[in-house]
Amino acid sequence: MKRYRVYGNISVTVETFVEMPDDKEYDEEEIFAKAYEEFQGIDNYVGNGGIDKLIGVNNEDDAIQADGEIEFTYCELDE
């Protein structure tokens, strides 16, 4: 029996909090710039290959959530 490794993609939503001084109103560009500066990224926490990966975020104010339908995009024979 042939075994195939199948890859797919799904959208994820990332949530973070930023704090801005109270001295003025901020537009989205300024708030997003602060979020890009402070967000620590998405990391793999279990394994570096195969299907046993666990992903997560580093900061307690950050969250990650899969919120879409899987779309399989590529497959290869697993030899």
Protein backbone atom coordinates (compact mmCIF):
# COMPACT_ATOMS: atom_id res chain seq x y z
CA MET A 1 0.00 0.00 0.00
CA LYS A 2 1.38 3.44 -0.93
CA ARG A 3 1.49 6.14 1.71
CA TYR A 4 1.32 9.83 0.78
CA ARG A 5 2.20 12.89 2.81
CA VAL A 6 -0.42 15.56 2.10
CA TYR A 7 0.15 19.24 2.89
CA GLY A 8 -2.48 21.88 3.37
CA ASN A 9 -3.01 25.43 4.50
CA ILE A 10 -5.43 27.07 6.87
CA SER A 11 -5.80 30.67 7.94
CA VAL A 12 -5.09 31.49 11.54
CA THR A 13 -6.01 34.57 13.50
CA VAL A 14 -3.48 36.05 15.88
CA GLU A 15 -4.54 38.30 18.73
CA THR A 16 -2.31 40.54 20.80
CA PHE A 17 -2.67 43.56 23.08
CA VAL A 18 -0.67 46.78 22.89
CA GLU A 19 -0.70 49.69 25.28
CA MET A 20 -0.44 53.25 23.99
CA PRO A 21 -0.08 56.44 26.07
CA ASP A 22 -3.29 58.34 26.84
CA ASP A 23 -1.98 61.67 25.55
CA LYS A 24 -3.47 61.39 22.03
CA GLU A 25 -5.65 59.38 19.66
CA TYR A 26 -3.89 56.80 17.47
CA ASP A 27 -4.71 55.64 13.96
CA GLU A 28 -4.57 51.99 12.86
CA GLU A 29 -1.15 52.43 11.24
CA GLU A 30 0.41 53.52 14.56
CA ILE A 31 -1.33 50.76 16.51
CA PHE A 32 -0.33 48.10 13.97
CA ALA A 33 3.28 49.35 14.01
CA LYS A 34 3.36 48.88 17.80
CA ALA A 35 1.85 45.39 17.46
CA TYR A 36 4.48 44.40 14.86
CA GLU A 37 7.20 45.71 17.18
CA GLU A 38 5.98 43.82 20.26
CA PHE A 39 4.53 40.57 18.88
CA GLN A 40 6.96 37.74 19.54
CA GLY A 41 5.82 35.47 16.73
CA ILE A 42 4.49 31.96 16.25
CA ASP A 43 6.77 29.06 17.15
CA ASN A 44 6.89 25.27 16.82
CA TYR A 45 6.92 23.66 20.25
CA VAL A 46 6.95 19.92 19.54
CA GLY A 47 9.14 18.27 16.93
CA ASN A 48 10.68 19.74 13.83
CA GLY A 49 9.08 17.44 11.27
CA GLY A 50 6.25 15.11 10.65
CA ILE A 51 2.72 15.64 11.81
CA ASP A 52 3.39 15.92 15.55
CA LYS A 53 3.83 19.71 15.69
CA LEU A 54 2.26 21.97 18.23
CA ILE A 55 2.33 25.69 17.47
CA GLY A 56 1.77 28.53 19.86
CA VAL A 57 2.69 32.05 20.86
CA ASN A 58 5.24 33.25 23.42
CA ASN A 59 3.61 36.18 25.19
CA GLU A 60 0.78 35.79 27.70
CA ASP A 61 -1.11 38.62 25.96
CA ASP A 62 -1.02 36.81 22.59
CA ALA A 63 -3.37 34.15 21.25
CA ILE A 64 -3.64 32.05 18.09
CA GLN A 65 -6.73 30.39 16.62
CA ALA A 66 -7.36 28.45 13.43
CA ASP A 67 -10.44 29.94 11.84
CA GLY A 68 -10.84 28.60 8.35
CA GLU A 69 -11.31 25.55 6.21
CA ILE A 70 -8.31 23.39 5.37
CA GLU A 71 -7.17 23.54 1.75
CA PHE A 72 -4.92 20.67 0.69
CA THR A 73 -2.37 21.99 -1.79
CA TYR A 74 0.39 19.42 -2.29
CA CYS A 75 1.16 15.75 -1.81
CA GLU A 76 4.20 13.50 -2.20
CA LEU A 77 4.88 9.82 -1.94
CA ASP A 78 6.26 8.97 1.51
CA GLU A 79 9.11 6.59 0.80
